Amino acid sequence: MYGYEICKYVSTLSDGDIAITEGALYPALHKLETDGLLSVEIEKIQNRNRKYYSLTKLGGVEVVSRIEALEQFLSSLNKVLNPKLI
């Protein structure tokens, strides 16, 4: 996906609850690309270059790792906020 498409996709998936601005997204995309987590393909669309971003293999591994860490954090937070459920 390209940047604007990512912003719209996140908004749609979250029913508008999460709005990512392009100004916040592009620096993050550039950092992920620099870290080797994203690959970029450039296509010329109507005389403009459009960057399409996709996860690298390393990026996919990192996603799984971060999701696992987030799930563990949410589980721990739930224990603190709802001690009767333990």
N, C-alpha and C. Protein backbone atom coordinates (compact mmCIF):
# COMPACT_ATOMS: atom_id res chain seq x y z
N MET A 1 0.84 -1.18 0.00
CA MET A 1 0.00 0.00 0.00
C MET A 1 0.88 1.24 0.00
N TYR A 2 0.36 2.31 -0.48
CA TYR A 2 1.05 3.59 -0.39
C TYR A 2 0.53 4.34 0.84
N GLY A 3 1.23 5.40 1.24
CA GLY A 3 0.95 6.07 2.51
C GLY A 3 -0.50 6.48 2.73
N TYR A 4 -1.06 7.22 1.78
CA TYR A 4 -2.44 7.67 1.93
C TYR A 4 -3.39 6.49 2.06
N GLU A 5 -3.11 5.44 1.30
CA GLU A 5 -3.94 4.23 1.35
C GLU A 5 -3.87 3.58 2.73
N ILE A 6 -2.70 3.60 3.34
CA ILE A 6 -2.53 3.05 4.70
C ILE A 6 -3.37 3.84 5.69
N CYS A 7 -3.33 5.17 5.59
CA CYS A 7 -4.13 6.03 6.49
C CYS A 7 -5.61 5.69 6.38
N LYS A 8 -6.10 5.59 5.17
CA LYS A 8 -7.52 5.27 4.95
C LYS A 8 -7.87 3.87 5.45
N TYR A 9 -6.99 2.92 5.21
CA TYR A 9 -7.23 1.53 5.62
C TYR A 9 -7.35 1.42 7.14
N VAL A 10 -6.44 2.07 7.85
CA VAL A 10 -6.47 2.04 9.32
C VAL A 10 -7.76 2.69 9.83
N SER A 11 -8.13 3.80 9.24
CA SER A 11 -9.37 4.47 9.65
C SER A 11 -10.58 3.58 9.40
N THR A 12 -10.63 2.93 8.26
CA THR A 12 -11.75 2.04 7.93
C THR A 12 -11.81 0.85 8.88
N LEU A 13 -10.66 0.21 9.11
CA LEU A 13 -10.64 -0.96 10.00
C LEU A 13 -11.05 -0.61 11.43
N SER A 14 -10.73 0.61 11.86
CA SER A 14 -11.04 1.00 13.24
C SER A 14 -12.35 1.77 13.34
N ASP A 15 -13.16 1.74 12.28
CA ASP A 15 -14.41 2.49 12.23
C ASP A 15 -14.20 3.96 12.58
N GLY A 16 -13.06 4.49 12.13
CA GLY A 16 -12.77 5.91 12.34
C GLY A 16 -12.19 6.24 13.70
N ASP A 17 -12.01 5.24 14.56
CA ASP A 17 -11.48 5.51 15.90
C ASP A 17 -9.98 5.83 15.89
N ILE A 18 -9.27 5.35 14.89
CA ILE A 18 -7.84 5.62 14.77
C ILE A 18 -7.62 6.38 13.48
N ALA A 19 -7.09 7.58 13.63
CA ALA A 19 -6.79 8.41 12.46
C ALA A 19 -5.29 8.70 12.46
N ILE A 20 -4.62 8.20 11.45
CA ILE A 20 -3.18 8.45 11.31
C ILE A 20 -3.00 9.54 10.26
N THR A 21 -2.33 10.60 10.64
CA THR A 21 -2.07 11.65 9.66
C THR A 21 -0.88 11.25 8.81
N GLU A 22 -0.86 11.76 7.60
CA GLU A 22 0.27 11.46 6.71
C GLU A 22 1.56 12.03 7.30
N GLY A 23 1.47 13.15 8.01
CA GLY A 23 2.64 13.75 8.63
C GLY A 23 3.25 12.88 9.72
N ALA A 24 2.44 12.07 10.35
CA ALA A 24 2.94 11.14 11.37
C ALA A 24 3.36 9.82 10.73
N LEU A 25 2.69 9.43 9.67
CA LEU A 25 2.94 8.13 9.05
C LEU A 25 4.26 8.08 8.29
N TYR A 26 4.54 9.07 7.46
CA TYR A 26 5.71 8.99 6.59
C TYR A 26 7.04 8.90 7.34
N PRO A 27 7.25 9.65 8.42
CA PRO A 27 8.50 9.44 9.17
C PRO A 27 8.62 8.02 9.72
N ALA A 28 7.51 7.45 10.17
CA ALA A 28 7.53 6.07 10.68
C ALA A 28 7.84 5.09 9.55
N LEU A 29 7.25 5.29 8.39
CA LEU A 29 7.52 4.42 7.24
C LEU A 29 8.99 4.50 6.84
N HIS A 30 9.54 5.71 6.83
CA HIS A 30 10.95 5.87 6.46
C HIS A 30 11.86 5.18 7.46
N LYS A 31 11.53 5.26 8.75
CA LYS A 31 12.33 4.59 9.78
C LYS A 31 12.25 3.07 9.61
N LEU A 32 11.06 2.55 9.38
CA LEU A 32 10.90 1.11 9.18
C LEU A 32 11.65 0.63 7.93
N GLU A 33 11.66 1.47 6.91
CA GLU A 33 12.41 1.13 5.70
C GLU A 33 13.92 1.11 6.00
N THR A 34 14.40 2.13 6.71
CA THR A 34 15.81 2.20 7.09
C THR A 34 16.22 1.01 7.94
N ASP A 35 15.32 0.55 8.81
CA ASP A 35 15.60 -0.59 9.69
C ASP A 35 15.47 -1.94 8.98
N GLY A 36 15.08 -1.92 7.71
CA GLY A 36 14.97 -3.16 6.95
C GLY A 36 13.67 -3.91 7.17
N LEU A 37 12.68 -3.25 7.77
CA LEU A 37 11.41 -3.91 8.07
C LEU A 37 10.39 -3.74 6.94
N LEU A 38 10.61 -2.74 6.10
CA LEU A 38 9.74 -2.49 4.95
C LEU A 38 10.58 -2.44 3.68
N SER A 39 9.98 -2.89 2.59
CA SER A 39 10.58 -2.67 1.28
C SER A 39 9.70 -1.67 0.54
N VAL A 40 10.29 -0.98 -0.41
CA VAL A 40 9.58 0.06 -1.15
C VAL A 40 9.68 -0.22 -2.64
N GLU A 41 8.56 -0.08 -3.29
CA GLU A 41 8.51 -0.16 -4.75
C GLU A 41 7.90 1.13 -5.26
N ILE A 42 8.55 1.75 -6.20
CA ILE A 42 8.07 3.02 -6.72
C ILE A 42 7.43 2.79 -8.09
N GLU A 43 6.21 3.33 -8.23
CA GLU A 43 5.50 3.27 -9.51
C GLU A 43 5.13 4.69 -9.92
N LYS A 44 5.19 4.95 -11.20
CA LYS A 44 4.79 6.24 -11.72
C LYS A 44 3.29 6.19 -12.02
N ILE A 45 2.53 7.02 -11.33
CA ILE A 45 1.07 7.11 -11.52
C ILE A 45 0.74 8.55 -11.90
N GLN A 46 0.18 8.75 -13.06
CA GLN A 46 -0.18 10.08 -13.55
C GLN A 46 0.97 11.07 -13.38
N ASN A 47 2.13 10.71 -13.88
CA ASN A 47 3.34 11.54 -13.84
C ASN A 47 3.85 11.84 -12.45
N ARG A 48 3.42 11.05 -11.45
CA ARG A 48 3.92 11.22 -10.08
C ARG A 48 4.43 9.87 -9.59
N ASN A 49 5.51 9.91 -8.84
CA ASN A 49 6.01 8.69 -8.25
C ASN A 49 5.21 8.36 -7.00
N ARG A 50 4.79 7.11 -6.90
CA ARG A 50 4.05 6.64 -5.72
C ARG A 50 4.85 5.50 -5.11
N LYS A 51 5.09 5.61 -3.80
CA LYS A 51 5.83 4.57 -3.10
C LYS A 51 4.86 3.58 -2.48
N TYR A 52 5.05 2.32 -2.82
CA TYR A 52 4.27 1.24 -2.23
C TYR A 52 5.15 0.53 -1.20
N TYR A 53 4.62 0.36 0.00
CA TYR A 53 5.36 -0.24 1.10
C TYR A 53 4.85 -1.65 1.35
N SER A 54 5.78 -2.56 1.65
CA SER A 54 5.39 -3.90 2.05
C SER A 54 6.40 -4.43 3.06
N LEU A 55 5.95 -5.36 3.88
CA LEU A 55 6.82 -5.93 4.91
C LEU A 55 7.89 -6.81 4.27
N THR A 56 9.09 -6.73 4.82
CA THR A 56 10.14 -7.68 4.46
C THR A 56 9.96 -8.91 5.34
N LYS A 57 10.77 -9.95 5.11
CA LYS A 57 10.71 -11.12 5.99
C LYS A 57 11.01 -10.72 7.42
N LEU A 58 12.03 -9.90 7.59
CA LEU A 58 12.38 -9.40 8.93
C LEU A 58 11.23 -8.61 9.53
N GLY A 59 10.55 -7.83 8.69
CA GLY A 59 9.39 -7.07 9.15
C GLY A 59 8.27 -7.96 9.64
N GLY A 60 8.04 -9.06 8.94
CA GLY A 60 7.00 -10.02 9.35
C GLY A 60 7.33 -10.65 10.69
N VAL A 61 8.60 -10.99 10.88
CA VAL A 61 9.04 -11.56 12.17
C VAL A 61 8.85 -10.53 13.28
N GLU A 62 9.18 -9.29 13.00
CA GLU A 62 9.04 -8.22 13.99
C GLU A 62 7.58 -7.98 14.36
N VAL A 63 6.70 -8.05 13.37
CA VAL A 63 5.26 -7.88 13.64
C VAL A 63 4.78 -8.95 14.62
N VAL A 64 5.14 -10.18 14.36
CA VAL A 64 4.72 -11.29 15.24
C VAL A 64 5.26 -11.06 16.65
N SER A 65 6.51 -10.68 16.75
CA SER A 65 7.13 -10.43 18.05
C SER A 65 6.44 -9.30 18.80
N ARG A 66 6.14 -8.23 18.09
CA ARG A 66 5.50 -7.07 18.75
C ARG A 66 4.06 -7.37 19.15
N ILE A 67 3.37 -8.15 18.35
CA ILE A 67 2.00 -8.54 18.71
C ILE A 67 2.02 -9.41 19.96
N GLU A 68 2.96 -10.34 20.03
CA GLU A 68 3.08 -11.19 21.22
C GLU A 68 3.39 -10.35 22.45
N ALA A 69 4.29 -9.38 22.32
CA ALA A 69 4.63 -8.50 23.44
C ALA A 69 3.43 -7.67 23.86
N LEU A 70 2.67 -7.17 22.90
CA LEU A 70 1.48 -6.38 23.21
C LEU A 70 0.43 -7.23 23.90
N GLU A 71 0.23 -8.46 23.44
CA GLU A 71 -0.74 -9.35 24.08
C GLU A 71 -0.34 -9.66 25.52
N GLN A 72 0.96 -9.86 25.75
CA GLN A 72 1.45 -10.11 27.11
C GLN A 72 1.23 -8.88 27.99
N PHE A 73 1.51 -7.70 27.46
CA PHE A 73 1.30 -6.47 28.21
C PHE A 73 -0.18 -6.29 28.55
N LEU A 74 -1.07 -6.51 27.57
CA LEU A 74 -2.50 -6.36 27.82
C LEU A 74 -2.99 -7.37 28.86
N SER A 75 -2.46 -8.58 28.83
CA SER A 75 -2.81 -9.58 29.82
C SER A 75 -2.38 -9.13 31.21
N SER A 76 -1.18 -8.62 31.33
CA SER A 76 -0.68 -8.13 32.62
C SER A 76 -1.49 -6.93 33.10
N LEU A 77 -1.81 -6.03 32.17
CA LEU A 77 -2.61 -4.86 32.53
C LEU A 77 -3.99 -5.28 33.00
N ASN A 78 -4.57 -6.27 32.35
CA ASN A 78 -5.89 -6.77 32.75
C ASN A 78 -5.85 -7.34 34.16
N LYS A 79 -4.76 -8.03 34.54
CA LYS A 79 -4.61 -8.56 35.88
C LYS A 79 -4.57 -7.46 36.92
N VAL A 80 -3.92 -6.35 36.57
CA VAL A 80 -3.81 -5.23 37.50
C VAL A 80 -5.15 -4.50 37.62
N LEU A 81 -5.84 -4.32 36.52
CA LEU A 81 -7.09 -3.56 36.53
C LEU A 81 -8.29 -4.37 36.97
N ASN A 82 -8.22 -5.69 36.80
CA ASN A 82 -9.33 -6.57 37.16
C ASN A 82 -8.83 -7.75 38.01
N PRO A 83 -8.33 -7.49 39.21
CA PRO A 83 -7.74 -8.57 40.00
C PRO A 83 -8.73 -9.68 40.37
N LYS A 84 -10.01 -9.38 40.37
CA LYS A 84 -11.02 -10.41 40.71
C LYS A 84 -11.13 -11.48 39.64
N LEU A 85 -10.64 -11.20 38.44
CA LEU A 85 -10.74 -12.16 37.32
C LEU A 85 -9.60 -13.17 37.32
N ILE A 86 -8.64 -13.02 38.19
CA ILE A 86 -7.48 -13.93 38.22
C ILE A 86 -7.87 -15.29 38.77
